Amino acid sequence: MAESEADTPSTPIEFESKYFEFDGVRLPPFCRGKMEEIANFSLRSSDIWIVTYPKSGTSLLQEVVYLVSQGADPDEIGLMNIDEQLPVLEYPQPGLDIIQELSSPRLIKSHLPYRFLPTAMHNGEAKVIYMARNPKDLVVSYYQFHRSLRTMSYRGTFQEFCRRFMNDKLGYGSWFEHVQEFWEHRMDSNVLFLKYEDMYKDLGTLVEQLARFLGVSCDKAQLEGMVESCNQLIEQCCNSEALSMCRAQRNEDVEGMAGGQRTTVLFWPARCLWL
């Protein structure tokens, strides 16, 4: 599979770095030159992987997974830099060599499509938790991310960004294909397919699914305690200043699309799989 340069995700003056294409999928520049090494990355049976399309609730999911798998206290997690405990496979830091040598059980994240993940994963090695999010919410969050990140500094309109999203012109390629690939593997013994919205709609069932999938044994009282701890984590995240600002900015942008009148983005149902 050959790598090739791709157009920048916005105008040249807005982006200095270019995405590149690998097997027809746009990937961030830091993935360049390491895709073969990623495919050959060695897995362990004790590995726990969290895979998402960007802005699908990864930060929240990783805290819930860490709490369930490690039996951690939500207050302790709040004091930790949880990102250091769950490195992203393809990111420049800490790097593949360091991640490979982490002590077991390793907790690893990635935003790569299913077909680009380590080959051993396709053969049933390691546990993989995939979370999908309603694309109407995801695209707003992804838009804000592009606007806030200094290396991207996106200044196009939300409508333009939606067109890029629909035409697979963003990092990590098509959301639709990303979700579809994992949906097709949802019955694999080493894959757990979750939906972001279920963390708010039915947290108890989601935590029970996670505990069962990860082999965490607990009685009813322990499970209820775990659900309550996860609920505390979710509330802490939702009450954080950063998320409050994001919600405010989201309302401002969506309302601004219609000159002050709220507009619902209705571009997704034709290609959506399960919502």
Protein backbone atom coordinates (compact mmCIF):
# COMPACT_ATOMS: atom_id res chain seq x y z
CA MET A 1 0.00 0.00 0.00
CA ALA A 2 1.62 3.18 -1.16
CA GLU A 3 1.69 6.54 0.57
CA SER A 4 0.94 9.71 -1.37
CA GLU A 5 0.59 13.40 -0.60
CA ALA A 6 -2.92 14.77 -0.21
CA ASP A 7 -4.27 18.29 -0.42
CA THR A 8 -4.32 20.27 2.76
CA PRO A 9 -7.59 20.09 4.72
CA SER A 10 -8.10 23.84 4.33
CA THR A 11 -6.47 26.62 2.33
CA PRO A 12 -2.63 26.54 2.19
CA ILE A 13 -2.41 29.66 4.35
CA GLU A 14 -4.36 27.92 7.13
CA PHE A 15 -2.37 24.71 7.23
CA GLU A 16 1.37 24.23 7.02
CA SER A 17 1.32 20.45 7.31
CA LYS A 18 -0.31 18.27 4.67
CA TYR A 19 -2.28 15.14 5.23
CA PHE A 20 -1.10 12.18 3.24
CA GLU A 21 -3.02 9.27 1.77
CA PHE A 22 -2.40 5.67 2.70
CA ASP A 23 -4.44 3.05 0.88
CA GLY A 24 -6.93 5.76 -0.07
CA VAL A 25 -7.40 7.14 3.48
CA ARG A 26 -6.29 10.58 4.64
CA LEU A 27 -4.07 10.35 7.70
CA PRO A 28 -2.29 13.00 9.83
CA PRO A 29 1.32 13.72 8.88
CA PHE A 30 2.73 12.02 11.99
CA CYS A 31 1.51 8.65 10.65
CA ARG A 32 3.78 8.93 7.64
CA GLY A 33 6.44 6.24 7.43
CA LYS A 34 5.18 4.09 10.31
CA MET A 35 2.16 2.25 8.88
CA GLU A 36 4.08 -0.97 8.23
CA GLU A 37 5.51 -0.90 11.74
CA ILE A 38 2.00 -0.39 13.13
CA ALA A 39 0.70 -3.37 11.15
CA ASN A 40 3.47 -5.52 12.65
CA PHE A 41 3.06 -4.21 16.20
CA SER A 42 3.14 -7.14 18.66
CA LEU A 43 0.06 -7.63 20.81
CA ARG A 44 -0.43 -9.36 24.14
CA SER A 45 -3.52 -11.25 25.27
CA SER A 46 -3.79 -8.86 28.24
CA ASP A 47 -3.87 -5.72 26.05
CA ILE A 48 -6.93 -3.47 26.22
CA TRP A 49 -7.38 -1.22 23.20
CA ILE A 50 -9.72 1.75 22.84
CA VAL A 51 -10.38 2.70 19.23
CA THR A 52 -12.52 5.60 18.05
CA TYR A 53 -12.92 8.04 15.21
CA PRO A 54 -11.66 11.39 16.56
CA LYS A 55 -14.03 13.29 18.86
CA SER A 56 -16.16 10.25 19.63
CA GLY A 57 -15.90 10.55 23.40
CA THR A 58 -12.46 8.98 23.68
CA SER A 59 -11.41 10.90 26.80
CA LEU A 60 -14.55 9.98 28.67
CA LEU A 61 -14.44 6.34 27.57
CA GLN A 62 -10.80 5.94 28.61
CA GLU A 63 -11.59 7.07 32.14
CA VAL A 64 -14.53 4.66 32.41
CA VAL A 65 -12.45 1.80 31.00
CA TYR A 66 -9.58 2.59 33.35
CA LEU A 67 -11.92 2.65 36.34
CA VAL A 68 -13.60 -0.65 35.40
CA SER A 69 -10.41 -2.49 34.43
CA GLN A 70 -8.22 -1.21 37.27
CA GLY A 71 -10.79 -0.83 40.01
CA ALA A 72 -9.64 2.74 40.42
CA ASP A 73 -11.34 5.40 42.52
CA PRO A 74 -12.89 8.27 40.51
CA ASP A 75 -11.29 10.85 42.80
CA GLU A 76 -7.87 9.29 42.20
CA ILE A 77 -8.46 9.31 38.44
CA GLY A 78 -9.30 13.00 38.69
CA LEU A 79 -5.81 13.63 40.07
CA MET A 80 -4.07 11.57 37.39
CA ASN A 81 -2.94 12.48 33.91
CA ILE A 82 -4.94 9.65 32.41
CA ASP A 83 -3.52 10.28 28.93
CA GLU A 84 -0.12 9.11 30.18
CA GLN A 85 -1.70 5.82 31.21
CA LEU A 86 -3.28 5.28 27.77
CA PRO A 87 -0.92 6.35 24.97
CA VAL A 88 -2.12 6.73 21.38
CA LEU A 89 -0.46 4.16 19.13
CA GLU A 90 0.20 6.38 16.12
CA TYR A 91 1.07 9.63 17.90
CA PRO A 92 4.69 10.87 17.85
CA GLN A 93 4.90 10.60 21.66
CA PRO A 94 5.70 8.37 23.42
CA GLY A 95 6.37 6.36 20.25
CA LEU A 96 5.90 2.76 19.14
CA ASP A 97 9.09 1.49 20.78
CA ILE A 98 8.10 2.75 24.22
CA ILE A 99 4.50 1.55 23.91
CA GLN A 100 5.77 -1.87 22.89
CA GLU A 101 7.75 -2.16 26.12
CA LEU A 102 5.05 -1.00 28.53
CA SER A 103 4.27 -3.40 31.35
CA SER A 104 1.11 -5.51 31.16
CA PRO A 105 -1.76 -5.00 31.08
CA ARG A 106 -1.22 -2.31 28.45
CA LEU A 107 -4.03 0.15 27.74
CA ILE A 108 -3.60 1.63 24.28
CA LYS A 109 -5.68 4.02 22.18
CA SER A 110 -5.89 4.61 18.44
CA HIS A 111 -8.00 6.48 15.90
CA LEU A 112 -6.89 4.33 12.96
CA PRO A 113 -9.42 2.45 10.83
CA TYR A 114 -9.79 -1.25 11.62
CA ARG A 115 -7.81 -2.39 8.58
CA PHE A 116 -4.75 -0.33 9.57
CA LEU A 117 -4.53 -1.66 13.12
CA PRO A 118 -2.01 -4.41 14.02
CA THR A 119 -2.56 -7.57 12.01
CA ALA A 120 -2.58 -9.67 15.18
CA MET A 121 -5.72 -7.82 16.27
CA HIS A 122 -7.51 -9.06 13.16
CA ASN A 123 -6.58 -12.58 14.25
CA GLY A 124 -8.37 -12.18 17.59
CA GLU A 125 -5.48 -11.13 19.83
CA ALA A 126 -6.06 -8.49 22.55
CA LYS A 127 -9.37 -6.91 23.57
CA VAL A 128 -10.67 -3.98 21.50
CA ILE A 129 -13.32 -1.53 22.68
CA TYR A 130 -14.74 0.60 19.88
CA MET A 131 -17.01 3.57 20.50
CA ALA A 132 -19.09 5.30 17.83
CA ARG A 133 -20.80 8.66 18.26
CA ASN A 134 -23.73 10.34 16.52
CA PRO A 135 -22.04 12.19 13.62
CA LYS A 136 -24.18 15.31 14.11
CA ASP A 137 -22.51 15.90 17.49
CA LEU A 138 -19.15 14.56 16.42
CA VAL A 139 -18.75 16.95 13.50
CA VAL A 140 -19.38 19.97 15.76
CA SER A 141 -16.73 18.77 18.21
CA TYR A 142 -14.30 18.01 15.38
CA TYR A 143 -14.89 21.48 13.94
CA GLN A 144 -14.09 23.11 17.29
CA PHE A 145 -11.00 20.95 17.60
CA HIS A 146 -9.71 22.12 14.22
CA ARG A 147 -10.37 25.73 15.17
CA SER A 148 -8.63 25.49 18.54
CA LEU A 149 -5.53 23.50 17.62
CA ARG A 150 -2.69 25.87 16.86
CA THR A 151 -1.10 23.56 14.27
CA MET A 152 -4.36 23.49 12.30
CA SER A 153 -5.92 26.90 12.97
CA TYR A 154 -8.93 26.12 10.78
CA ARG A 155 -10.82 29.28 9.84
CA GLY A 156 -13.35 27.99 7.32
CA THR A 157 -17.07 28.05 7.99
CA PHE A 158 -18.96 25.25 9.69
CA GLN A 159 -20.80 24.55 6.43
CA GLU A 160 -17.47 24.15 4.62
CA PHE A 161 -16.22 21.86 7.37
CA CYS A 162 -19.35 19.71 7.05
CA ARG A 163 -18.71 19.36 3.34
CA ARG A 164 -15.17 18.22 4.08
CA PHE A 165 -16.53 15.73 6.59
CA MET A 166 -19.04 14.35 4.08
CA ASN A 167 -16.40 14.14 1.35
CA ASP A 168 -13.82 12.32 3.52
CA LYS A 169 -11.38 15.24 3.48
CA LEU A 170 -10.44 15.14 7.17
CA GLY A 171 -7.83 13.22 9.13
CA TYR A 172 -8.52 9.49 9.55
CA GLY A 173 -10.75 9.42 6.50
CA SER A 174 -14.44 8.66 6.30
CA TRP A 175 -16.41 8.45 9.55
CA PHE A 176 -18.90 6.22 7.76
CA GLU A 177 -16.29 3.70 6.65
CA HIS A 178 -14.53 3.86 10.03
CA VAL A 179 -17.72 2.89 11.88
CA GLN A 180 -18.78 0.41 9.19
CA GLU A 181 -15.55 -1.58 9.46
CA PHE A 182 -15.93 -2.05 13.21
CA TRP A 183 -19.66 -2.66 12.94
CA GLU A 184 -18.90 -5.60 10.64
CA HIS A 185 -16.60 -7.02 13.35
CA ARG A 186 -18.92 -6.35 16.30
CA MET A 187 -19.53 -10.09 16.77
CA ASP A 188 -15.81 -10.92 16.95
CA SER A 189 -14.90 -12.36 20.34
CA ASN A 190 -12.22 -9.72 20.92
CA VAL A 191 -14.33 -6.68 19.89
CA LEU A 192 -16.86 -4.72 21.96
CA PHE A 193 -18.85 -2.16 19.96
CA LEU A 194 -20.29 0.68 22.07
CA LYS A 195 -22.23 3.88 21.39
CA TYR A 196 -21.30 7.15 23.06
CA GLU A 197 -24.93 8.05 23.73
CA ASP A 198 -25.40 4.91 25.86
CA MET A 199 -23.11 6.35 28.53
CA TYR A 200 -25.90 8.82 29.24
CA LYS A 201 -28.92 6.72 28.31
CA ASP A 202 -28.05 3.41 29.97
CA LEU A 203 -24.77 3.64 31.87
CA GLY A 204 -25.52 0.56 33.99
CA THR A 205 -25.81 -1.73 30.99
CA LEU A 206 -22.71 -0.24 29.39
CA VAL A 207 -20.60 -0.74 32.53
CA GLU A 208 -21.91 -4.29 32.86
CA GLN A 209 -20.94 -4.96 29.23
CA LEU A 210 -17.47 -3.56 29.87
CA ALA A 211 -16.94 -5.60 33.03
CA ARG A 212 -18.06 -8.80 31.32
CA PHE A 213 -15.94 -8.11 28.24
CA LEU A 214 -12.84 -7.32 30.32
CA GLY A 215 -13.32 -10.35 32.57
CA VAL A 216 -13.89 -8.27 35.70
CA SER A 217 -15.88 -10.37 38.16
CA CYS A 218 -18.21 -8.51 40.50
CA ASP A 219 -21.43 -9.11 42.37
CA LYS A 220 -24.51 -6.90 42.15
CA ALA A 221 -23.38 -4.53 44.90
CA GLN A 222 -19.91 -4.16 43.38
CA LEU A 223 -21.43 -3.52 39.95
CA GLU A 224 -23.72 -0.84 41.38
CA GLY A 225 -20.75 0.78 43.08
CA MET A 226 -18.84 0.69 39.80
CA VAL A 227 -21.73 2.31 37.94
CA GLU A 228 -21.96 5.05 40.56
CA SER A 229 -18.22 5.70 40.28
CA CYS A 230 -18.48 5.90 36.50
CA ASN A 231 -21.42 8.26 36.87
CA GLN A 232 -19.28 10.51 39.06
CA LEU A 233 -16.61 10.56 36.36
CA ILE A 234 -19.13 11.50 33.70
CA GLU A 235 -20.55 14.28 35.86
CA GLN A 236 -17.07 15.62 36.54
CA CYS A 237 -16.35 15.72 32.82
CA CYS A 238 -19.68 17.32 31.96
CA ASN A 239 -19.24 19.97 34.63
CA SER A 240 -15.73 20.86 33.57
CA GLU A 241 -15.12 24.37 32.33
CA ALA A 242 -13.73 23.13 29.02
CA LEU A 243 -16.86 21.22 28.11
CA SER A 244 -19.09 24.09 29.21
CA MET A 245 -17.19 26.44 26.92
CA CYS A 246 -17.43 23.91 24.10
CA ARG A 247 -21.20 23.69 24.50
CA ALA A 248 -21.54 27.45 24.50
CA GLN A 249 -19.40 27.76 21.39
CA ARG A 250 -21.34 24.95 19.74
CA ASN A 251 -24.65 26.78 20.29
CA GLU A 252 -23.14 29.99 18.98
CA ASP A 253 -21.89 28.37 15.80
CA VAL A 254 -25.02 26.35 15.06
CA GLU A 255 -27.28 29.33 15.70
CA GLY A 256 -25.04 31.52 13.60
CA MET A 257 -25.62 29.31 10.58
CA ALA A 258 -29.17 30.61 10.35
CA GLY A 259 -28.68 34.21 11.38
CA GLY A 260 -29.49 33.59 15.03
CA GLN A 261 -32.07 30.86 14.52
CA ARG A 262 -31.15 27.36 15.62
CA THR A 263 -30.52 25.00 12.72
CA THR A 264 -30.33 21.23 12.91
CA VAL A 265 -27.73 19.60 10.69
CA LEU A 266 -29.52 16.88 8.77
CA PHE A 267 -26.86 15.44 6.52
CA TRP A 268 -26.22 12.05 8.06
CA PRO A 269 -29.16 9.61 7.89
CA ALA A 270 -28.64 8.41 4.32
CA ARG A 271 -25.26 6.92 5.19
CA CYS A 272 -25.70 6.25 8.88
CA LEU A 273 -25.71 2.63 9.97
CA TRP A 274 -27.41 2.31 13.30
CA LEU A 275 -28.73 5.65 14.56
